């Protein structure tokens, strides 16, 4: 056990060292690069807490697995380490302003209806129903089934617009005295996904919504006025308090349900398993015990389906098929690199990391560029979410999650074409 803890300690120390270095370099300001590094530093620190307090047996950790994981993660993060968002002076729509306003206006009724119905459902949920909901997500006992017919259709539109809502919101915030109704509506739309995560007893969905909001804010922050920043800080504080309350309530409810299954666990050890299990499971289980790769079913089911290849429509079908064949548990976290490793092994996963690096590196502005366009921001945000949620798993592994990217990518392409070609 002691040797295992030492391995994880050094793995964690590397992230802490980088985070502290960039914190000093940026004169104490939390920028995107420090934010990402701190996520992995805190996550891996909670791994140490879990290992020191768990009554369960921790198998041998392979230090070479942690080295591989650190190098792979760092490869993906490097573009942000070179990027300083403070250099951004302007975020330009690229001749797409009217289209942005029209899209935001179109989304309003769907976002408002989704929020109203999700709020009503959330208010009527107690701790025992939270446990029941989470245990039965596989059989579709979730918030979507409790919506009205119109609410269900509105939620579909909201879900497919989720990646772009914060981007539309912060873009319109640049216009101080205009579009107040649209700004409020888009902000309420983002709250819908927090409440939906709560109503489904899914803490990761709640955390994901907040971290993505914060990431997009960090991208837009240099282009916003000081007055707007102060208001956003106030809204952010409220959201953080609300999210913390929902997470604590959900955690306590679910811990009370699993306490008998995890004999000897206190609640903090159980939480640390949730936040820090990915590097542990990758280096203890996946690295040496995985028998076969899942051939893209874990992370790229939609791509396989589009190409006419056999795959799985749901996460649960994929788990049921591959868990016995791979010889490792599928319902735990391995980091996003671990999910790619699960698909293609060490070499294939690292090739994807290199492609990720090249894509992100080409999109982030250089030191000579002080203007960023909205089509760039959309893709940067999509890729950035992989990193900020990657301490758990690949955030777009679910086929439904991959489908929600399609409207955002199409919109980015339209923005790019309109920006490049005056005649459109």
Protein backbone atom coordinates (compact mmCIF):
# COMPACT_ATOMS: atom_id res chain seq x y z
CA UNK A 1 0.00 0.00 0.00
CA UNK A 2 2.77 2.46 0.94
CA UNK A 3 4.48 2.07 -2.43
CA UNK A 4 1.15 2.60 -4.19
CA UNK A 5 0.60 5.84 -2.28
CA UNK A 6 4.10 7.03 -3.20
CA UNK A 7 3.40 6.45 -6.90
CA UNK A 8 0.15 8.43 -6.75
CA UNK A 9 1.82 11.11 -4.63
CA UNK A 10 4.44 11.79 -7.30
CA UNK A 11 1.79 11.72 -10.02
CA UNK A 12 -0.23 14.30 -8.08
CA UNK A 13 2.87 16.36 -7.27
CA UNK A 14 3.59 16.83 -10.98
CA UNK A 15 0.20 18.49 -11.50
CA UNK A 16 0.58 20.57 -8.35
CA UNK A 17 4.04 21.72 -9.44
CA UNK A 18 2.74 22.81 -12.86
CA UNK A 19 -0.31 24.52 -11.33
CA UNK A 20 1.82 26.46 -8.84
CA UNK A 21 4.33 27.41 -11.55
CA UNK A 22 1.64 28.91 -13.79
CA UNK A 23 -0.07 30.53 -10.81
CA UNK A 24 3.17 32.40 -10.05
CA UNK A 25 3.73 33.13 -13.74
CA UNK A 26 0.25 34.67 -13.98
CA UNK A 27 0.82 36.66 -10.75
CA UNK A 28 -1.78 34.80 -8.73
CA UNK A 29 -4.55 35.00 -11.31
CA UNK A 30 -6.50 31.84 -12.07
CA UNK A 31 -6.40 31.41 -15.83
CA UNK A 32 -7.67 28.53 -17.92
CA UNK A 33 -4.36 26.67 -17.84
CA UNK A 34 -4.10 26.87 -14.05
CA UNK A 35 -7.77 25.96 -13.70
CA UNK A 36 -7.29 22.76 -15.73
CA UNK A 37 -4.12 21.79 -13.88
CA UNK A 38 -5.76 22.36 -10.50
CA UNK A 39 -8.63 20.06 -11.46
CA UNK A 40 -6.20 17.17 -12.00
CA UNK A 41 -4.09 18.11 -8.98
CA UNK A 42 -7.09 18.12 -6.63
CA UNK A 43 -8.52 14.97 -8.20
CA UNK A 44 -5.30 13.01 -7.77
CA UNK A 45 -4.92 14.32 -4.21
CA UNK A 46 -8.32 12.85 -3.39
CA UNK A 47 -6.98 9.55 -4.77
CA UNK A 48 -4.38 9.60 -2.00
CA UNK A 49 -7.07 10.32 0.60
CA UNK A 50 -9.11 7.38 -0.65
CA UNK A 51 -6.16 4.99 -0.61
CA UNK A 52 -5.25 5.96 2.95
CA UNK A 53 -8.79 5.55 4.27
CA UNK A 54 -10.49 2.80 2.29
CA UNK A 55 -11.16 -0.53 3.99
CA UNK A 56 -11.05 -2.19 0.57
CA UNK A 57 -7.96 -3.82 -0.87
CA UNK A 58 -6.05 -1.72 -3.41
CA UNK A 59 -4.22 -3.88 -5.90
CA UNK A 60 -0.71 -3.16 -7.19
CA UNK A 61 -0.39 0.14 -9.03
CA UNK A 62 1.81 0.13 -12.12
CA UNK A 63 4.03 3.25 -12.09
CA UNK A 64 4.55 3.04 -15.87
CA UNK A 65 0.77 3.41 -16.25
CA UNK A 66 0.85 6.67 -14.30
CA UNK A 67 3.76 7.92 -16.41
CA UNK A 68 1.82 7.10 -19.57
CA UNK A 69 -1.32 8.75 -18.20
CA UNK A 70 0.52 11.92 -17.17
CA UNK A 71 2.28 12.27 -20.53
CA UNK A 72 -0.96 11.66 -22.43
CA UNK A 73 -2.93 14.15 -20.34
CA UNK A 74 -0.17 16.74 -20.61
CA UNK A 75 -0.03 16.29 -24.40
CA UNK A 76 -3.70 17.27 -24.57
CA UNK A 77 -3.33 20.16 -22.09
CA UNK A 78 -0.20 21.76 -23.63
CA UNK A 79 -2.09 24.02 -26.10
CA UNK A 80 -3.81 25.70 -23.14
CA UNK A 81 -0.49 25.97 -21.28
CA UNK A 82 0.82 28.07 -24.18
CA UNK A 83 -2.39 30.09 -24.39
CA UNK A 84 -3.05 33.21 -22.36
CA UNK A 85 -6.66 34.37 -22.65
CA UNK A 86 -5.65 37.80 -21.34
CA UNK A 87 -4.28 38.50 -24.83
CA UNK A 88 -7.81 38.40 -26.24
CA UNK A 89 -9.06 41.92 -26.90
CA UNK A 90 -12.16 41.10 -28.89
CA UNK A 91 -14.42 38.14 -29.58
CA UNK A 92 -15.91 38.83 -32.98
CA UNK A 93 -19.05 37.31 -34.48
CA UNK A 94 -17.56 37.50 -37.99
CA UNK A 95 -20.67 38.93 -39.72
CA UNK A 96 -22.90 36.56 -37.74
CA UNK A 97 -24.39 38.95 -35.18
CA UNK A 98 -27.94 38.94 -36.54
CA UNK A 99 -27.88 35.15 -36.85
CA UNK A 100 -26.78 34.85 -33.21
CA UNK A 101 -29.62 37.09 -32.04
CA UNK A 102 -32.14 35.13 -34.12
CA UNK A 103 -30.92 31.77 -32.80
CA UNK A 104 -31.11 33.06 -29.22
CA UNK A 105 -34.64 34.37 -29.83
CA UNK A 106 -35.70 31.03 -31.33
CA UNK A 107 -34.42 29.13 -28.27
CA UNK A 108 -36.26 31.26 -25.68
CA UNK A 109 -39.63 29.45 -25.47
CA UNK A 110 -37.95 26.03 -25.38
CA UNK A 111 -35.51 27.03 -22.64
CA UNK A 112 -38.19 28.70 -20.54
CA UNK A 113 -40.58 25.75 -20.76
CA UNK A 114 -37.77 23.28 -20.00
CA UNK A 115 -36.76 25.30 -16.94
CA UNK A 116 -40.30 25.62 -15.61
CA UNK A 117 -41.08 21.92 -15.84
CA UNK A 118 -37.66 20.82 -14.56
CA UNK A 119 -37.98 23.19 -11.60
CA UNK A 120 -41.40 21.76 -10.67
CA UNK A 121 -40.01 18.20 -10.88
CA UNK A 122 -36.94 19.14 -8.79
CA UNK A 123 -39.03 20.74 -6.04
CA UNK A 124 -41.01 17.52 -5.60
CA UNK A 125 -37.95 15.28 -5.22
CA UNK A 126 -36.84 13.99 -1.80
CA UNK A 127 -33.78 12.00 -0.77
CA UNK A 128 -35.40 8.57 -1.11
CA UNK A 129 -36.67 9.33 -4.60
CA UNK A 130 -33.18 10.54 -5.61
CA UNK A 131 -31.78 7.10 -4.81
CA UNK A 132 -34.61 5.37 -6.65
CA UNK A 133 -34.13 7.58 -9.71
CA UNK A 134 -30.38 6.93 -9.92
CA UNK A 135 -30.79 3.19 -9.44
CA UNK A 136 -33.32 3.06 -12.29
CA UNK A 137 -31.74 5.38 -14.86
CA UNK A 138 -31.08 2.37 -17.06
CA UNK A 139 -34.81 1.67 -17.27
CA UNK A 140 -35.55 5.30 -18.15
CA UNK A 141 -37.00 6.35 -14.80
CA UNK A 142 -35.63 9.89 -15.13
CA UNK A 143 -36.69 13.50 -15.47
CA UNK A 144 -37.38 13.24 -19.20
CA UNK A 145 -40.21 10.77 -18.58
CA UNK A 146 -41.89 13.17 -16.15
CA UNK A 147 -42.11 16.08 -18.58
CA UNK A 148 -45.27 16.94 -20.45
CA UNK A 149 -45.42 16.25 -24.20
CA UNK A 150 -44.52 19.88 -24.95
CA UNK A 151 -41.92 19.89 -22.16
CA UNK A 152 -40.28 16.79 -23.60
CA UNK A 153 -39.98 18.37 -27.04
CA UNK A 154 -38.65 21.58 -25.51
CA UNK A 155 -36.05 19.58 -23.55
CA UNK A 156 -34.84 17.91 -26.75
CA UNK A 157 -34.21 21.36 -28.29
CA UNK A 158 -32.53 22.50 -25.07
CA UNK A 159 -30.30 19.41 -24.95
CA UNK A 160 -29.16 19.86 -28.54
CA UNK A 161 -28.37 23.51 -27.91
CA UNK A 162 -26.56 22.92 -24.60
CA UNK A 163 -22.99 23.36 -25.94
CA UNK A 164 -23.78 26.76 -27.50
CA UNK A 165 -26.03 28.33 -24.84
CA UNK A 166 -23.19 29.67 -22.62
CA UNK A 167 -21.38 30.91 -25.74
CA UNK A 168 -24.46 32.81 -26.96
CA UNK A 169 -24.97 34.18 -23.44
CA UNK A 170 -21.46 35.55 -23.01
CA UNK A 171 -21.36 36.88 -26.55
CA UNK A 172 -24.52 38.94 -25.94
CA UNK A 173 -23.11 40.12 -22.60
CA UNK A 174 -20.63 42.21 -24.57
CA UNK A 175 -23.56 44.48 -25.47
CA UNK A 176 -24.23 46.29 -22.20
CA UNK A 177 -27.73 47.73 -22.65
CA UNK A 178 -29.15 45.40 -25.27
CA UNK A 179 -30.75 41.95 -25.38
CA UNK A 180 -31.61 41.81 -21.67
CA UNK A 181 -34.47 39.33 -22.20
CA UNK A 182 -32.25 37.04 -24.27
CA UNK A 183 -29.45 37.18 -21.70
CA UNK A 184 -31.78 36.28 -18.84
CA UNK A 185 -33.39 33.51 -20.89
CA UNK A 186 -30.05 31.97 -21.84
CA UNK A 187 -28.86 32.13 -18.23
CA UNK A 188 -32.04 30.40 -17.09
CA UNK A 189 -31.48 27.84 -19.84
CA UNK A 190 -28.11 26.95 -18.33
CA UNK A 191 -29.77 26.50 -14.95
CA UNK A 192 -32.07 23.92 -16.57
CA UNK A 193 -29.16 21.49 -17.01
CA UNK A 194 -28.12 21.87 -13.37
CA UNK A 195 -31.65 21.04 -12.22
CA UNK A 196 -31.94 18.21 -14.74
CA UNK A 197 -28.74 16.68 -13.35
CA UNK A 198 -30.14 16.99 -9.84
CA UNK A 199 -33.51 15.50 -10.84
CA UNK A 200 -31.64 12.52 -12.34
CA UNK A 201 -29.41 12.24 -9.22
CA UNK A 202 -26.36 12.65 -11.48
CA UNK A 203 -23.69 14.72 -9.75
CA UNK A 204 -21.40 14.56 -12.74
CA UNK A 205 -24.04 16.36 -14.85
CA UNK A 206 -24.32 19.13 -12.24
CA UNK A 207 -20.55 19.55 -12.04
CA UNK A 208 -20.21 19.42 -15.82
CA UNK A 209 -22.74 22.23 -16.32
CA UNK A 210 -20.94 24.51 -13.86
CA UNK A 211 -17.40 23.78 -15.06
CA UNK A 212 -18.41 24.34 -18.69
CA UNK A 213 -20.06 27.65 -17.75
CA UNK A 214 -16.84 28.69 -15.99
CA UNK A 215 -14.64 27.61 -18.92
CA UNK A 216 -16.67 29.67 -21.43
CA UNK A 217 -16.63 32.62 -19.02
CA UNK A 218 -12.85 32.43 -18.82
CA UNK A 219 -12.65 32.52 -22.63
CA UNK A 220 -14.88 35.62 -22.84
CA UNK A 221 -13.63 37.34 -19.67
CA UNK A 222 -10.98 39.60 -21.30
CA UNK A 223 -13.59 40.95 -23.72
CA UNK A 224 -16.12 41.82 -20.98
CA UNK A 225 -16.31 45.11 -19.09
CA UNK A 226 -15.43 45.31 -15.39
CA UNK A 227 -19.09 45.97 -14.52
CA UNK A 228 -20.20 42.82 -16.34
CA UNK A 229 -17.43 40.81 -14.67
CA UNK A 230 -18.61 41.88 -11.23
CA UNK A 231 -22.18 40.86 -12.07
CA UNK A 232 -20.99 37.51 -13.42
CA UNK A 233 -18.97 36.94 -10.26
CA UNK A 234 -22.18 37.47 -8.27
CA UNK A 235 -24.16 35.10 -10.48
CA UNK A 236 -21.32 32.60 -10.34
CA UNK A 237 -21.27 32.73 -6.55
CA UNK A 238 -25.01 32.06 -6.45
CA UNK A 239 -24.69 29.17 -8.91
CA UNK A 240 -21.77 27.71 -6.97
CA UNK A 241 -23.76 27.86 -3.73
CA UNK A 242 -26.80 26.26 -5.40
CA UNK A 243 -24.71 23.58 -7.07
CA UNK A 244 -22.83 22.83 -3.85
CA UNK A 245 -26.14 22.43 -2.03
CA UNK A 246 -27.54 20.10 -4.70
CA UNK A 247 -24.36 18.01 -4.82
CA UNK A 248 -24.23 17.68 -1.03
CA UNK A 249 -27.89 16.70 -0.86
CA UNK A 250 -27.51 14.17 -3.69
CA UNK A 251 -24.29 12.78 -2.19
CA UNK A 252 -25.78 12.32 1.28
CA UNK A 253 -28.87 10.63 -0.18
CA UNK A 254 -26.89 8.23 -2.34
CA UNK A 255 -24.34 7.49 0.41
CA UNK A 256 -27.14 6.54 2.78
CA UNK A 257 -28.28 4.03 0.16
CA UNK A 258 -24.86 2.48 -0.54
CA UNK A 259 -23.50 2.62 3.01
CA UNK A 260 -24.35 -1.02 3.64
CA UNK A 261 -22.65 -2.03 0.39
CA UNK A 262 -19.49 -0.12 1.31
CA UNK A 263 -19.01 -1.38 4.83
CA UNK A 264 -16.40 0.66 6.70
CA UNK A 265 -16.61 3.67 4.37
CA UNK A 266 -17.19 7.14 5.75
CA UNK A 267 -18.80 9.67 3.44
CA UNK A 268 -15.52 11.50 2.65
CA UNK A 269 -13.82 8.30 1.59
CA UNK A 270 -16.77 7.53 -0.66
CA UNK A 271 -16.62 11.04 -2.16
CA UNK A 272 -12.87 10.75 -2.69
CA UNK A 273 -13.45 7.49 -4.56
CA UNK A 274 -15.79 9.39 -6.88
CA UNK A 275 -13.44 12.35 -7.47
CA UNK A 276 -10.14 10.50 -7.52
CA UNK A 277 -10.71 6.97 -8.69
CA UNK A 278 -9.71 7.56 -12.35
CA UNK A 279 -5.89 7.47 -12.03
CA UNK A 280 -6.18 4.66 -9.48
CA UNK A 281 -8.42 2.49 -11.67
CA UNK A 282 -6.36 3.19 -14.78
CA UNK A 283 -3.02 2.24 -13.18
CA UNK A 284 -4.37 -0.57 -10.99
CA UNK A 285 -6.91 -2.24 -13.31
CA UNK A 286 -7.04 -1.07 -16.92
CA UNK A 287 -3.31 -1.01 -17.62
CA UNK A 288 -2.65 -4.68 -16.88
CA UNK A 289 -6.02 -6.43 -16.68
CA UNK A 290 -7.79 -5.31 -19.87
CA UNK A 291 -7.98 -8.32 -22.21
CA UNK A 292 -9.21 -6.69 -25.45
CA UNK A 293 -9.99 -3.21 -26.74
CA UNK A 294 -13.56 -2.10 -27.40
CA UNK A 295 -12.75 -0.96 -30.95
CA UNK A 296 -14.25 2.52 -30.64
CA UNK A 297 -17.48 1.50 -28.90
CA UNK A 298 -16.52 3.31 -25.69
CA UNK A 299 -15.89 6.78 -27.11
CA UNK A 300 -16.82 6.88 -30.79
CA UNK A 301 -20.08 4.95 -31.17
CA UNK A 302 -21.67 7.70 -33.27
CA UNK A 303 -18.71 7.75 -35.67
CA UNK A 304 -18.93 3.98 -36.08
CA UNK A 305 -22.68 4.14 -36.62
CA UNK A 306 -22.25 6.88 -39.25
CA UNK A 307 -19.71 4.72 -41.07
CA UNK A 308 -22.15 1.80 -41.07
CA UNK A 309 -20.17 -0.22 -38.53
CA UNK A 310 -21.81 -2.25 -35.77
CA UNK A 311 -21.92 -0.52 -32.40
CA UNK A 312 -24.26 0.14 -29.46
CA UNK A 313 -27.05 2.68 -29.19
CA UNK A 314 -26.87 3.06 -25.41
CA UNK A 315 -24.21 3.17 -22.73
CA UNK A 316 -25.87 0.27 -20.89
CA UNK A 317 -25.86 -2.04 -23.92
CA UNK A 318 -22.16 -1.33 -24.42
CA UNK A 319 -21.37 -2.05 -20.78
CA UNK A 320 -23.27 -5.32 -20.83
CA UNK A 321 -21.45 -6.52 -23.95
CA UNK A 322 -17.89 -5.43 -23.20
CA UNK A 323 -17.48 -5.80 -19.43
CA UNK A 324 -17.10 -9.58 -19.48
CA UNK A 325 -15.00 -9.57 -22.64
CA UNK A 326 -12.57 -6.92 -21.44
CA UNK A 327 -12.27 -8.33 -17.94
CA UNK A 328 -12.47 -4.94 -16.23
CA UNK A 329 -15.35 -2.96 -14.68
CA UNK A 330 -16.86 -0.53 -17.18
CA UNK A 331 -18.95 1.56 -14.76
CA UNK A 332 -15.97 3.32 -13.13
CA UNK A 333 -13.84 6.31 -14.12
CA UNK A 334 -10.54 5.93 -16.00
CA UNK A 335 -10.06 9.58 -17.26
CA UNK A 336 -10.80 10.51 -20.86
CA UNK A 337 -7.42 9.10 -21.89
CA UNK A 338 -8.43 5.85 -20.20
CA UNK A 339 -11.60 5.71 -22.28
CA UNK A 340 -9.55 6.15 -25.47
CA UNK A 341 -7.14 3.50 -24.16
CA UNK A 342 -10.14 1.22 -23.62
CA UNK A 343 -11.03 1.70 -27.30
CA UNK A 344 -7.64 1.43 -29.00
CA UNK A 345 -4.93 0.46 -26.50
CA UNK A 346 -1.85 2.54 -25.57
CA UNK A 347 -0.67 3.43 -29.07
CA UNK A 348 -4.07 4.24 -30.51
CA UNK A 349 -5.01 6.33 -27.49
CA UNK A 350 -1.83 8.38 -27.70
CA UNK A 351 -2.36 8.98 -31.42
CA UNK A 352 -5.77 10.44 -30.52
CA UNK A 353 -4.05 12.62 -27.89
CA UNK A 354 -1.70 13.95 -30.58
CA UNK A 355 -4.65 14.67 -32.90
CA UNK A 356 -6.41 16.41 -30.01
CA UNK A 357 -3.28 18.50 -29.39
CA UNK A 358 -3.01 19.48 -33.06
CA UNK A 359 -6.69 20.44 -33.29
CA UNK A 360 -6.68 22.56 -30.14
CA UNK A 361 -3.31 24.09 -30.96
CA UNK A 362 -4.54 25.23 -34.39
CA UNK A 363 -7.63 26.89 -32.89
CA UNK A 364 -6.15 28.77 -29.96
CA UNK A 365 -4.91 32.23 -30.98
CA UNK A 366 -1.21 32.95 -31.12
CA UNK A 367 0.45 35.82 -29.25
CA UNK A 368 0.16 37.97 -32.36
CA UNK A 369 -3.63 37.54 -32.60
CA UNK A 370 -5.86 39.61 -30.30
CA UNK A 371 -9.19 38.79 -31.99
CA UNK A 372 -10.94 35.44 -31.69
CA UNK A 373 -13.99 34.54 -33.74
CA UNK A 374 -17.08 32.81 -32.46
CA UNK A 375 -16.64 29.81 -34.76
CA UNK A 376 -13.28 29.20 -33.06
CA UNK A 377 -14.73 29.68 -29.58
CA UNK A 378 -17.38 26.97 -30.17
CA UNK A 379 -14.80 24.29 -31.03
CA UNK A 380 -12.35 25.46 -28.34
CA UNK A 381 -15.13 25.16 -25.75
CA UNK A 382 -16.13 21.68 -26.99
CA UNK A 383 -12.53 20.46 -26.77
CA UNK A 384 -11.93 22.30 -23.50
CA UNK A 385 -14.81 20.44 -21.89
CA UNK A 386 -12.98 17.18 -22.61
CA UNK A 387 -10.14 18.46 -20.42
CA UNK A 388 -12.12 19.96 -17.54
CA UNK A 389 -14.29 16.84 -17.18
CA UNK A 390 -11.53 14.44 -18.19
CA UNK A 391 -10.54 13.70 -14.60
CA UNK A 392 -13.60 11.41 -14.64
CA UNK A 393 -14.21 10.08 -18.16
CA UNK A 394 -14.52 11.16 -21.80
CA UNK A 395 -17.42 13.58 -21.51
CA UNK A 396 -18.77 12.76 -24.99
CA UNK A 397 -18.63 8.97 -24.63
CA UNK A 398 -22.40 8.62 -24.57
CA UNK A 399 -23.93 8.45 -28.09
CA UNK A 400 -26.60 10.95 -27.01
CA UNK A 401 -23.87 13.35 -25.88
CA UNK A 402 -22.12 12.98 -29.22
CA UNK A 403 -25.35 13.85 -31.04
CA UNK A 404 -25.61 17.15 -29.13
CA UNK A 405 -22.30 18.22 -30.66
CA UNK A 406 -23.65 18.10 -34.21
CA UNK A 407 -25.69 21.36 -34.08
CA UNK A 408 -22.76 23.18 -32.44
CA UNK A 409 -20.29 21.96 -35.05
CA UNK A 410 -22.68 22.82 -37.91
CA UNK A 411 -23.18 26.29 -36.42
CA UNK A 412 -19.42 26.76 -36.15
CA UNK A 413 -19.03 25.83 -39.83
CA UNK A 414 -21.79 28.27 -40.83
CA UNK A 415 -20.16 31.04 -38.80
CA UNK A 416 -16.81 30.30 -40.43
CA UNK A 417 -18.23 30.34 -43.97
CA UNK A 418 -20.07 33.60 -43.39
CA UNK A 419 -16.94 35.14 -41.90
CA UNK A 420 -14.71 34.07 -44.77
CA UNK A 421 -17.03 34.76 -47.70
CA UNK A 422 -18.58 38.22 -47.93
CA UNK A 423 -21.05 37.12 -50.59
CA UNK A 424 -23.01 34.85 -48.27
